[in-house]
C-alpha atoms as a PDB file:
ATOM      1  CA  GLU A   1      75.548 171.326 126.514  1.00  0.00           C
ATOM      2  CA  GLN A   2      74.855 167.749 125.386  1.00  0.00           C
ATOM      3  CA  VAL A   3      74.201 166.006 122.089  1.00  0.00           C
ATOM      4  CA  ARG A   4      70.553 165.046 122.015  1.00  0.00           C
ATOM      5  CA  THR A   5      69.171 162.418 119.667  1.00  0.00           C
ATOM      6  CA  HIS A   6      65.959 164.329 119.040  1.00  0.00           C
ATOM      7  CA  ALA A   7      62.867 163.371 117.048  1.00  0.00           C
ATOM      8  CA  THR A   8      64.557 160.754 114.900  1.00  0.00           C
ATOM      9  CA  LYS A   9      62.272 159.176 112.316  1.00  0.00           C
ATOM     10  CA  CYS A  10      62.143 156.046 110.256  1.00  0.00           C
ATOM     11  CA  ALA A  11      64.240 156.177 107.075  1.00  0.00           C
ATOM     12  CA  ASN A  12      61.788 155.430 104.270  1.00  0.00           C
ATOM     13  CA  ASN A  13      62.283 153.267 101.178  1.00  0.00           C
ATOM     14  CA  LEU A  14      65.543 151.677 102.287  1.00  0.00           C
ATOM     15  CA  VAL A  15      66.404 148.358 100.656  1.00  0.00           C
ATOM     16  CA  LYS A  16      68.966 147.409 103.312  1.00  0.00           C
ATOM     17  CA  PRO A  17      70.158 148.652 106.716  1.00  0.00           C
ATOM     18  CA  LYS A  18      71.932 151.989 106.574  1.00  0.00           C
ATOM     19  CA  LEU A  19      75.116 153.094 108.300  1.00  0.00           C
ATOM     20  CA  THR A  20      74.465 156.067 110.602  1.00  0.00           C
ATOM     21  CA  ASN A  21      76.812 158.798 111.780  1.00  0.00           C
ATOM     22  CA  ALA A  22      77.020 157.308 115.290  1.00  0.00           C
ATOM     23  CA  ILE A  23      73.369 158.096 116.033  1.00  0.00           C
ATOM     24  CA  TYR A  24      71.985 155.623 118.558  1.00  0.00           C
ATOM     25  CA  GLY A  25      68.411 155.252 119.791  1.00  0.00           C
ATOM     26  CA  ALA A  26      67.999 153.369 123.079  1.00  0.00           C
ATOM     27  CA  GLY A  27      64.376 152.493 122.249  1.00  0.00           C
ATOM     28  CA  LEU A  28      65.349 149.829 119.699  1.00  0.00           C
ATOM     29  CA  VAL A  29      68.789 148.227 119.837  1.00  0.00           C
ATOM     30  CA  PHE A  30      70.123 144.762 119.188  1.00  0.00           C
ATOM     31  CA  SER A  31      73.675 143.550 118.687  1.00  0.00           C
ATOM     32  CA  LYS A  32      76.095 140.782 119.596  1.00  0.00           C
ATOM     33  CA  CYS A  33      76.407 140.207 123.351  1.00  0.00           C
ATOM     34  CA  HIS A  34      80.008 141.376 123.512  1.00  0.00           C
ATOM     35  CA  ALA A  35      78.779 144.910 122.825  1.00  0.00           C
ATOM     36  CA  GLU A  36      76.812 144.961 126.088  1.00  0.00           C
ATOM     37  CA  LEU A  37      79.633 143.315 128.022  1.00  0.00           C
ATOM     38  CA  LYS A  38      82.270 145.655 126.688  1.00  0.00           C
ATOM     39  CA  ILE A  39      80.247 148.881 126.771  1.00  0.00           C
ATOM     40  CA  PRO A  40      77.690 148.770 129.593  1.00  0.00           C
ATOM     41  CA  VAL A  41      75.580 151.755 130.596  1.00  0.00           C
ATOM     42  CA  ASP A  42      77.603 154.177 132.723  1.00  0.00           C
ATOM     43  CA  PRO A  43      76.215 153.951 136.283  1.00  0.00           C
ATOM     44  CA  HIS A  44      77.775 157.308 137.161  1.00  0.00           C
ATOM     45  CA  THR A  45      75.364 159.314 135.010  1.00  0.00           C
ATOM     46  CA  PRO A  46      72.059 159.416 136.954  1.00  0.00           C
ATOM     47  CA  TYR A  47      69.161 161.669 135.909  1.00  0.00           C
ATOM     48  CA  VAL A  48      70.641 162.172 132.450  1.00  0.00           C
ATOM     49  CA  PHE A  49      68.232 162.269 129.521  1.00  0.00           C
ATOM     50  CA  ASP A  50      69.805 164.558 126.925  1.00  0.00           C
ATOM     51  CA  GLY A  51      73.180 163.172 125.927  1.00  0.00           C
ATOM     52  CA  GLU A  52      72.841 159.631 127.277  1.00  0.00           C
ATOM     53  CA  GLU A  53      72.372 158.047 123.858  1.00  0.00           C
ATOM     54  CA  PHE A  54      75.180 159.863 122.049  1.00  0.00           C
ATOM     55  CA  ASN A  55      77.473 159.218 124.987  1.00  0.00           C
ATOM     56  CA  ARG A  56      77.009 155.489 124.575  1.00  0.00           C
ATOM     57  CA  ALA A  57      77.156 155.724 120.795  1.00  0.00           C
ATOM     58  CA  ALA A  58      80.532 157.440 121.056  1.00  0.00           C
ATOM     59  CA  ARG A  59      81.821 154.692 123.313  1.00  0.00           C
ATOM     60  CA  MET A  60      80.544 151.977 120.969  1.00  0.00           C
ATOM     61  CA  TRP A  61      81.938 153.627 117.861  1.00  0.00           C
ATOM     62  CA  THR A  62      85.393 154.167 119.347  1.00  0.00           C
ATOM     63  CA  TYR A  63      85.427 150.502 120.391  1.00  0.00           C
ATOM     64  CA  GLY A  64      84.922 149.632 116.727  1.00  0.00           C
ATOM     65  CA  TYR A  65      81.166 149.068 116.557  1.00  0.00           C
ATOM     66  CA  ASP A  66      79.235 150.337 113.536  1.00  0.00           C
ATOM     67  CA  ILE A  67      75.692 151.583 114.105  1.00  0.00           C
ATOM     68  CA  TYR A  68      73.020 150.931 111.478  1.00  0.00           C
ATOM     69  CA  THR A  69      69.393 151.924 111.161  1.00  0.00           C
ATOM     70  CA  PRO A  70      67.043 149.098 110.072  1.00  0.00           C
ATOM     71  CA  HIS A  71      65.114 149.498 106.838  1.00  0.00           C
ATOM     72  CA  ARG A  72      61.899 148.232 108.465  1.00  0.00           C
ATOM     73  CA  VAL A  73      60.531 148.755 111.966  1.00  0.00           C
ATOM     74  CA  TYR A  74      58.463 146.438 114.148  1.00  0.00           C
ATOM     75  CA  VAL A  75      59.127 147.923 117.588  1.00  0.00           C
ATOM     76  CA  LEU A  76      57.402 151.172 118.533  1.00  0.00           C
ATOM     77  CA  HIS A  77      57.590 153.503 121.533  1.00  0.00           C
ATOM     78  CA  ASP A  78      54.392 155.089 122.831  1.00  0.00           C
ATOM     79  CA  TYR A  79      55.839 158.389 124.005  1.00  0.00           C
ATOM     80  CA  VAL A  80      52.528 160.140 124.649  1.00  0.00           C
ATOM     81  CA  ASN A  81      51.193 157.666 127.210  1.00  0.00           C
ATOM     82  CA  SER A  82      54.526 156.640 128.726  1.00  0.00           C
ATOM     83  CA  GLN A  83      55.622 160.191 129.516  1.00  0.00           C
ATOM     84  CA  HIS A  84      52.295 160.959 131.195  1.00  0.00           C
ATOM     85  CA  ASN A  85      52.318 157.766 133.236  1.00  0.00           C
ATOM     86  CA  PRO A  86      52.922 158.733 136.900  1.00  0.00           C
ATOM     87  CA  ILE A  87      54.867 155.523 137.528  1.00  0.00           C
ATOM     88  CA  THR A  88      57.204 155.401 134.524  1.00  0.00           C
ATOM     89  CA  ALA A  89      57.919 159.133 134.738  1.00  0.00           C
ATOM     90  CA  SER A  90      58.595 159.129 138.496  1.00  0.00           C
ATOM     91  CA  TRP A  91      62.373 159.311 138.032  1.00  0.00           C
ATOM     92  CA  GLN A  92      62.025 162.943 136.951  1.00  0.00           C
ATOM     93  CA  ARG A  93      60.355 163.904 140.258  1.00  0.00           C
ATOM     94  CA  LYS A  94      63.168 162.362 142.329  1.00  0.00           C
ATOM     95  CA  HIS A  95      65.742 164.609 140.734  1.00  0.00           C
ATOM     96  CA  ASP A  96      69.019 165.255 142.554  1.00  0.00           C
ATOM     97  CA  SER A  97      70.521 168.413 141.048  1.00  0.00           C
ATOM     98  CA  THR A  98      74.014 167.743 142.433  1.00  0.00           C
ATOM     99  CA  SER A  99      74.181 164.221 141.024  1.00  0.00           C
ATOM    100  CA  HIS A 100      72.802 165.465 137.725  1.00  0.00           C
ATOM    101  CA  HIS A 101      75.433 168.205 137.531  1.00  0.00           C
ATOM    102  CA  ASP A 102      78.225 165.734 138.289  1.00  0.00           C
ATOM    103  CA  ALA A 103      76.915 163.366 135.607  1.00  0.00           C
ATOM    104  CA  LEU A 104      76.907 166.082 132.950  1.00  0.00           C
ATOM    105  CA  TYR A 105      80.381 167.188 134.038  1.00  0.00           C
ATOM    106  CA  ARG A 106      81.559 163.606 133.605  1.00  0.00           C
ATOM    107  CA  MET A 107      80.007 163.283 130.141  1.00  0.00           C
ATOM    108  CA  ASN A 108      81.486 166.621 129.026  1.00  0.00           C
ATOM    109  CA  THR A 109      84.907 165.426 130.172  1.00  0.00           C
ATOM    110  CA  LEU A 110      84.587 162.139 128.327  1.00  0.00           C
ATOM    111  CA  LEU A 111      83.655 163.744 124.995  1.00  0.00           C
ATOM    112  CA  GLU A 112      85.758 166.909 125.495  1.00  0.00           C
ATOM    113  CA  ILE A 113      82.689 169.140 125.413  1.00  0.00           C
ATOM    114  CA  PRO A 114      83.194 172.550 127.106  1.00  0.00           C
ATOM    115  CA  GLY A 115      82.278 172.416 130.782  1.00  0.00           C
ATOM    116  CA  GLY A 116      84.243 169.311 131.700  1.00  0.00           C
ATOM    117  CA  GLU A 117      87.503 168.553 133.493  1.00  0.00           C
ATOM    118  CA  GLY A 118      90.304 170.945 132.543  1.00  0.00           C
ATOM    119  CA  ASN A 119      93.132 168.782 133.818  1.00  0.00           C
ATOM    120  CA  GLN A 120      94.252 166.703 130.827  1.00  0.00           C
ATOM    121  CA  GLU A 121      95.705 163.927 132.962  1.00  0.00           C
ATOM    122  CA  LYS A 122      92.432 163.462 134.858  1.00  0.00           C
ATOM    123  CA  ALA A 123      90.416 163.693 131.635  1.00  0.00           C
ATOM    124  CA  LEU A 124      92.566 161.012 129.973  1.00  0.00           C
ATOM    125  CA  ALA A 125      92.135 158.773 133.022  1.00  0.00           C
ATOM    126  CA  LEU A 126      88.357 158.978 132.605  1.00  0.00           C
ATOM    127  CA  GLN A 127      88.511 158.357 128.860  1.00  0.00           C
ATOM    128  CA  GLN A 128      90.556 155.204 129.435  1.00  0.00           C
ATOM    129  CA  SER A 129      88.439 153.955 132.352  1.00  0.00           C
ATOM    130  CA  ARG A 130      85.826 151.192 132.546  1.00  0.00           C
ATOM    131  CA  PHE A 131      83.069 153.455 131.235  1.00  0.00           C
ATOM    132  CA  GLY A 132      85.308 155.502 128.992  1.00  0.00           C
ATOM    133  CA  LEU A 133      86.044 155.522 125.278  1.00  0.00           C
ATOM    134  CA  GLY A 134      87.307 152.610 123.227  1.00  0.00           C
ATOM    135  CA  ASP A 135      90.765 152.380 121.717  1.00  0.00           C
ATOM    136  CA  ARG A 136      89.983 151.233 118.171  1.00  0.00           C
ATOM    137  CA  ARG A 137      88.943 154.642 116.814  1.00  0.00           C
ATOM    138  CA  SER A 138      89.783 158.063 118.192  1.00  0.00           C
ATOM    139  CA  LEU A 139      87.582 160.929 119.348  1.00  0.00           C
ATOM    140  CA  ASP A 140      89.005 163.023 116.502  1.00  0.00           C
ATOM    141  CA  GLN A 141      87.772 160.413 114.028  1.00  0.00           C
ATOM    142  CA  LEU A 142      84.344 160.406 115.685  1.00  0.00           C
ATOM    143  CA  ILE A 143      84.057 164.183 115.321  1.00  0.00           C
ATOM    144  CA  GLN A 144      84.915 164.008 111.622  1.00  0.00           C
ATOM    145  CA  PHE A 145      82.600 161.042 111.004  1.00  0.00           C
ATOM    146  CA  SER A 146      79.592 162.346 112.935  1.00  0.00           C
ATOM    147  CA  GLY A 147      80.144 165.956 111.894  1.00  0.00           C
ATOM    148  CA  ILE A 148      79.327 167.146 115.436  1.00  0.00           C
ATOM    149  CA  ASP A 149      81.672 169.814 116.760  1.00  0.00           C
ATOM    150  CA  LEU A 150      81.985 168.470 120.290  1.00  0.00           C
ATOM    151  CA  ARG A 151      84.897 170.628 121.391  1.00  0.00           C
ATOM    152  CA  HIS A 152      83.037 173.838 120.555  1.00  0.00           C
ATOM    153  CA  ALA A 153      79.551 172.578 121.512  1.00  0.00           C
ATOM    154  CA  LYS A 154      78.199 173.206 118.016  1.00  0.00           C
ATOM    155  CA  PRO A 155      75.880 170.998 115.938  1.00  0.00           C
ATOM    156  CA  SER A 156      78.240 170.816 112.979  1.00  0.00           C
ATOM    157  CA  ILE A 157      81.903 171.207 112.143  1.00  0.00           C
ATOM    158  CA  ASP A 158      81.214 172.337 108.588  1.00  0.00           C
ATOM    159  CA  GLY A 159      77.469 172.903 108.194  1.00  0.00           C
ATOM    160  CA  LYS A 160      77.008 169.669 106.235  1.00  0.00           C
ATOM    161  CA  ASN A 161      74.330 167.054 106.873  1.00  0.00           C
ATOM    162  CA  ARG A 162      75.835 163.635 107.699  1.00  0.00           C
ATOM    163  CA  CYS A 163      72.610 161.704 107.063  1.00  0.00           C
ATOM    164  CA  GLY A 164      73.540 160.957 103.454  1.00  0.00           C
ATOM    165  CA  ASN A 165      75.989 158.370 102.196  1.00  0.00           C
ATOM    166  CA  LEU A 166      78.737 157.925 104.765  1.00  0.00           C
ATOM    167  CA  LYS A 167      82.233 156.626 104.232  1.00  0.00           C
ATOM    168  CA  TRP A 168      82.933 153.807 106.654  1.00  0.00           C
ATOM    169  CA  VAL A 169      85.912 154.457 108.928  1.00  0.00           C
ATOM    170  CA  PRO A 170      88.267 151.442 109.042  1.00  0.00           C
ATOM    171  CA  PHE A 171      90.003 150.326 112.214  1.00  0.00           C
ATOM    172  CA  GLN A 172      92.280 147.525 113.370  1.00  0.00           C
ATOM    173  CA  GLU A 173      90.649 144.861 115.509  1.00  0.00           C
ATOM    174  CA  HIS A 174      92.231 144.050 118.843  1.00  0.00           C
ATOM    175  CA  PRO A 175      94.948 141.384 118.435  1.00  0.00           C
ATOM    176  CA  LYS A 176      93.030 139.162 120.887  1.00  0.00           C
ATOM    177  CA  GLY A 177      89.885 139.261 118.759  1.00  0.00           C
ATOM    178  CA  VAL A 178      86.451 140.825 118.767  1.00  0.00           C
ATOM    179  CA  ASP A 179      85.362 138.946 121.898  1.00  0.00           C
ATOM    180  CA  PHE A 180      88.233 140.297 123.981  1.00  0.00           C
ATOM    181  CA  LEU A 181      87.062 142.113 127.121  1.00  0.00           C
ATOM    182  CA  PRO A 182      89.597 144.509 128.667  1.00  0.00           C
ATOM    183  CA  LYS A 183      90.010 144.232 132.441  1.00  0.00           C
ATOM    184  CA  PHE A 184      89.564 147.108 134.872  1.00  0.00           C
ATOM    185  CA  ASP A 185      90.112 147.553 138.590  1.00  0.00           C
ATOM    186  CA  ALA A 186      86.815 147.050 140.419  1.00  0.00           C
ATOM    187  CA  GLU A 187      87.308 150.078 142.664  1.00  0.00           C
ATOM    188  CA  THR A 188      89.250 152.625 140.597  1.00  0.00           C
ATOM    189  CA  GLU A 189      87.754 151.495 137.257  1.00  0.00           C
ATOM    190  CA  GLN A 190      91.165 152.086 135.685  1.00  0.00           C
ATOM    191  CA  PRO A 191      92.595 149.560 133.208  1.00  0.00           C
ATOM    192  CA  ILE A 192      94.613 146.809 134.826  1.00  0.00           C
ATOM    193  CA  ASP A 193      96.864 146.404 131.789  1.00  0.00           C
ATOM    194  CA  TYR A 194      98.248 149.715 130.506  1.00  0.00           C
ATOM    195  CA  SER A 195     100.382 148.110 127.790  1.00  0.00           C
ATOM    196  CA  TYR A 196      98.410 149.266 124.752  1.00  0.00           C
ATOM    197  CA  ASP A 197      99.436 147.454 121.581  1.00  0.00           C
ATOM    198  CA  SER A 198     100.369 149.256 118.376  1.00  0.00           C
ATOM    199  CA  THR A 199      96.818 148.921 116.989  1.00  0.00           C
ATOM    200  CA  SER A 200      95.391 150.982 119.877  1.00  0.00           C
ATOM    201  CA  VAL A 201      94.657 154.686 119.382  1.00  0.00           C
ATOM    202  CA  TRP A 202      96.058 155.214 122.885  1.00  0.00           C
ATOM    203  CA  HIS A 203      99.445 153.814 121.852  1.00  0.00           C
ATOM    204  CA  ASP A 204     100.732 156.897 120.022  1.00  0.00           C
ATOM    205  CA  ARG A 205      99.147 159.297 122.496  1.00  0.00           C
ATOM    206  CA  ILE A 206     100.859 157.636 125.458  1.00  0.00           C
ATOM    207  CA  ALA A 207     104.125 157.359 123.529  1.00  0.00           C
ATOM    208  CA  ARG A 208     104.057 161.129 122.927  1.00  0.00           C
ATOM    209  CA  ALA A 209     103.287 161.779 126.591  1.00  0.00           C
ATOM    210  CA  GLU A 210     106.197 159.575 127.624  1.00  0.00           C
ATOM    211  CA  ALA A 211     108.543 160.846 124.908  1.00  0.00           C
ATOM    212  CA  PRO A 212     112.129 161.370 126.148  1.00  0.00           C
ATOM    213  CA  THR A 213     113.276 164.893 126.947  1.00  0.00           C
ATOM    214  CA  PRO A 214     116.274 166.536 125.176  1.00  0.00           C
ATOM    215  CA  LEU A 215     118.382 165.844 128.298  1.00  0.00           C
ATOM    216  CA  SER A 216     117.548 162.135 128.342  1.00  0.00           C
ATOM    217  CA  ASP A 217     118.220 162.018 124.589  1.00  0.00           C
ATOM    218  CA  ALA A 218     121.685 163.496 125.166  1.00  0.00           C
ATOM    219  CA  ARG A 219     122.446 160.993 127.925  1.00  0.00           C
ATOM    220  CA  ARG A 220     121.299 158.110 125.750  1.00  0.00           C
ATOM    221  CA  ASP A 221     123.451 159.280 122.818  1.00  0.00           C
ATOM    222  CA  ALA A 222     126.492 159.654 125.077  1.00  0.00           C
ATOM    223  CA  ALA A 223     126.006 156.145 126.452  1.00  0.00           C
ATOM    224  CA  THR A 224     125.640 154.759 122.935  1.00  0.00           C
ATOM    225  CA  LEU A 225     128.841 156.532 121.842  1.00  0.00           C
ATOM    226  CA  ASP A 226     130.828 155.112 124.772  1.00  0.00           C
ATOM    227  CA  ALA A 227     129.552 151.619 124.065  1.00  0.00           C
ATOM    228  CA  THR A 228     130.356 151.916 120.362  1.00  0.00           C
ATOM    229  CA  LYS A 229     134.007 152.820 121.036  1.00  0.00           C
ATOM    230  CA  SER A 230     134.625 149.494 122.783  1.00  0.00           C
ATOM    231  CA  ASN A 231     132.592 147.224 120.526  1.00  0.00           C
ATOM    232  CA  THR A 232     133.346 145.436 117.289  1.00  0.00           C
ATOM    233  CA  THR A 233     131.768 146.264 113.939  1.00  0.00           C
ATOM    234  CA  SER A 234     129.270 143.436 114.348  1.00  0.00           C
ATOM    235  CA  THR A 235     128.234 144.810 117.729  1.00  0.00           C
ATOM    236  CA  THR A 236     127.844 148.264 116.192  1.00  0.00           C
ATOM    237  CA  THR A 237     125.613 146.769 113.530  1.00  0.00           C
ATOM    238  CA  LYS A 238     123.527 145.108 116.244  1.00  0.00           C
ATOM    239  CA  THR A 239     123.269 148.434 118.100  1.00  0.00           C
ATOM    240  CA  SER A 240     122.067 150.114 114.905  1.00  0.00           C
ATOM    241  CA  ALA A 241     119.428 147.452 114.455  1.00  0.00           C
ATOM    242  CA  THR A 242     118.321 147.935 118.056  1.00  0.00           C
ATOM    243  CA  THR A 243     118.159 151.696 117.530  1.00  0.00           C
ATOM    244  CA  ALA A 244     116.031 151.156 114.434  1.00  0.00           C
ATOM    245  CA  ALA A 245     113.687 148.937 116.451  1.00  0.00           C
ATOM    246  CA  ILE A 246     113.430 151.618 119.139  1.00  0.00           C
ATOM    247  CA  ALA A 247     112.654 154.259 116.511  1.00  0.00           C
ATOM    248  CA  ALA A 248     110.018 152.023 114.942  1.00  0.00           C
ATOM    249  CA  GLU A 249     108.390 151.450 118.315  1.00  0.00           C
ATOM    250  CA  ALA A 250     108.359 155.191 119.070  1.00  0.00           C
ATOM    251  CA  ALA A 251     106.695 155.786 115.705  1.00  0.00           C
ATOM    252  CA  GLY A 252     104.044 153.167 116.435  1.00  0.00           C
ATOM    253  CA  VAL A 253     105.335 150.787 113.738  1.00  0.00           C
ATOM    254  CA  ASP A 254     105.191 147.039 114.383  1.00  0.00           C
ATOM    255  CA  LEU A 255     108.025 145.527 112.341  1.00  0.00           C
ATOM    256  CA  ASP A 256     106.688 141.984 112.857  1.00  0.00           C
ATOM    257  CA  LYS A 257     103.089 142.757 111.865  1.00  0.00           C
ATOM    258  CA  PRO A 258     101.970 141.632 108.382  1.00  0.00           C
ATOM    259  CA  PRO A 259     100.348 144.156 105.992  1.00  0.00           C
ATOM    260  CA  GLN A 260      96.850 145.263 106.966  1.00  0.00           C
ATOM    261  CA  GLU A 261      94.054 143.256 105.425  1.00  0.00           C
ATOM    262  CA  ASP A 262      91.752 144.793 102.873  1.00  0.00           C
ATOM    263  CA  MET A 263      89.285 146.607 105.169  1.00  0.00           C
ATOM    264  CA  GLU A 264      86.955 147.607 102.324  1.00  0.00           C
ATOM    265  CA  ASP A 265      86.308 143.961 101.435  1.00  0.00           C
ATOM    266  CA  GLN A 266      85.570 143.258 105.094  1.00  0.00           C
ATOM    267  CA  HIS A 267      83.124 146.152 105.199  1.00  0.00           C
ATOM    268  CA  ASN A 268      81.269 144.967 102.094  1.00  0.00           C
ATOM    269  CA  GLU A 269      80.978 141.484 103.570  1.00  0.00           C
ATOM    270  CA  LEU A 270      79.726 143.006 106.826  1.00  0.00           C
ATOM    271  CA  HIS A 271      77.005 144.892 104.935  1.00  0.00           C
ATOM    272  CA  LYS A 272      75.899 141.631 103.349  1.00  0.00           C
ATOM    273  CA  LEU A 273      75.756 139.768 106.659  1.00  0.00           C
ATOM    274  CA  VAL A 274      73.842 142.616 108.329  1.00  0.00           C
ATOM    275  CA  SER A 275      71.209 142.522 105.599  1.00  0.00           C
ATOM    276  CA  GLU A 276      70.837 138.750 105.803  1.00  0.00           C
ATOM    277  CA  ALA A 277      70.626 138.692 109.605  1.00  0.00           C
ATOM    278  CA  GLU A 278      68.103 141.520 109.744  1.00  0.00           C
ATOM    279  CA  GLU A 279      65.949 139.816 107.123  1.00  0.00           C
ATOM    280  CA  GLN A 280      65.871 136.641 109.219  1.00  0.00           C
ATOM    281  CA  PHE A 281      65.036 138.661 112.320  1.00  0.00           C
ATOM    282  CA  PHE A 282      62.015 140.330 110.753  1.00  0.00           C
ATOM    283  CA  LYS A 283      60.878 137.091 109.127  1.00  0.00           C
ATOM    284  CA  ALA A 284      60.987 135.304 112.478  1.00  0.00           C
ATOM    285  CA  ALA A 285      59.196 138.165 114.246  1.00  0.00           C
ATOM    286  CA  GLU A 286      56.320 138.336 111.735  1.00  0.00           C
ATOM    287  CA  PRO A 287      54.165 135.624 113.406  1.00  0.00           C
ATOM    288  CA  LEU A 288      54.364 137.415 116.736  1.00  0.00           C
ATOM    289  CA  LEU A 289      53.091 140.621 115.241  1.00  0.00           C
ATOM    290  CA  SER A 290      50.195 138.898 113.533  1.00  0.00           C
ATOM    291  CA  GLY A 291      48.905 137.552 116.840  1.00  0.00           C
ATOM    292  CA  ALA A 292      50.564 134.122 116.895  1.00  0.00           C
ATOM    293  CA  GLU A 293      51.946 132.621 120.092  1.00  0.00           C
ATOM    294  CA  ALA A 294      55.417 133.636 121.264  1.00  0.00           C
ATOM    295  CA  HIS A 295      56.857 130.185 120.683  1.00  0.00           C
ATOM    296  CA  ALA A 296      56.118 130.542 116.977  1.00  0.00           C
ATOM    297  CA  MET A 297      59.449 132.372 116.631  1.00  0.00           C
ATOM    298  CA  ASN A 298      62.138 129.919 115.655  1.00  0.00           C
ATOM    299  CA  ILE A 299      64.845 131.031 118.088  1.00  0.00           C
ATOM    300  CA  GLU A 300      67.239 128.302 117.046  1.00  0.00           C
ATOM    301  CA  SER A 301      67.296 129.265 113.385  1.00  0.00           C
ATOM    302  CA  LEU A 302      67.430 132.947 114.291  1.00  0.00           C
ATOM    303  CA  GLY A 303      70.460 132.416 116.488  1.00  0.00           C
ATOM    304  CA  GLY A 304      72.111 130.349 113.804  1.00  0.00           C
ATOM    305  CA  ASP A 305      71.911 133.160 111.313  1.00  0.00           C
ATOM    306  CA  PHE A 306      73.039 135.793 113.780  1.00  0.00           C
ATOM    307  CA  SER A 307      76.043 133.681 114.711  1.00  0.00           C
ATOM    308  CA  LYS A 308      77.529 134.653 111.345  1.00  0.00           C
ATOM    309  CA  LEU A 309      77.789 138.246 112.530  1.00  0.00           C
ATOM    310  CA  ARG A 310      81.161 138.128 114.241  1.00  0.00           C
ATOM    311  CA  GLY A 311      81.705 141.766 113.329  1.00  0.00           C
ATOM    312  CA  LYS A 312      80.717 144.677 115.496  1.00  0.00           C
ATOM    313  CA  VAL A 313      77.226 145.653 114.392  1.00  0.00           C
ATOM    314  CA  VAL A 314      74.634 147.550 116.390  1.00  0.00           C
ATOM    315  CA  MET A 315      71.130 147.865 114.901  1.00  0.00           C
ATOM    316  CA  THR A 316      69.266 150.818 116.330  1.00  0.00           C
ATOM    317  CA  GLY A 317      66.333 153.160 115.787  1.00  0.00           C
ATOM    318  CA  ARG A 318      63.843 155.310 117.642  1.00  0.00           C
ATOM    319  CA  HIS A 319      60.308 155.530 116.321  1.00  0.00           C
END
């Protein structure tokens, strides 16, 4: 079972781009370059048609990218002729059933859809790999936001339609900034640096997995008691402070981190920048569509406006 982005249509009468519930159409997509660098197409999923788009949408969304549908469309996809073209449709005739099965198994594992890897350690390794999920938002958050019941292979978790007004899901940007590209081993595709910071959704999950056992707790307490007997009051106070720091770290609390910025204000500003950038895009593209020469598009001014969009925005649609 896979999530298929099927028969999506243009949203009519929109006055500005609209946030989608992680629905992504590969036929029309544009974003900042770091989206492509950070979340490339998974090369281990050959022959996949159903599920390919949602798979990538899930990866983008968990990395902190928000997916919008444009309010006007200039790029179309001629499905009738393209699917009957013997050249463009040749990939379907060269089908390898084993590779296809392995690809679907991989995608099920990544999104925790039934039919994937049952070993949790192996599944987590895939989710954290080069072509895995991001660490800014969790899979649980994606399920609630999209409304798709991935773990039970059902279209909806509650029977509600998520195409209406959606509530944006805030996240904490990586401490190294939006342009930061995590590094992975070229052969194993596993992350080179496993030290997830406190803003990562993997931080708490790994902390729970590595939580001390009752026996190690007892040994630690005994060692602390022995040390306390031979130390002064000031040393005891220092030990208490250290214990508090350890407890804060185990709880995923960064004592040195300032209060979180107002994410709602950031989101409103992002909406405004998306609208302005999209308007410039369509305005620049208009001469091309009316038959003018390609150089009529003012690339320099277009790039200048899009440079304002430091946030993670993906414009998408299938028509």
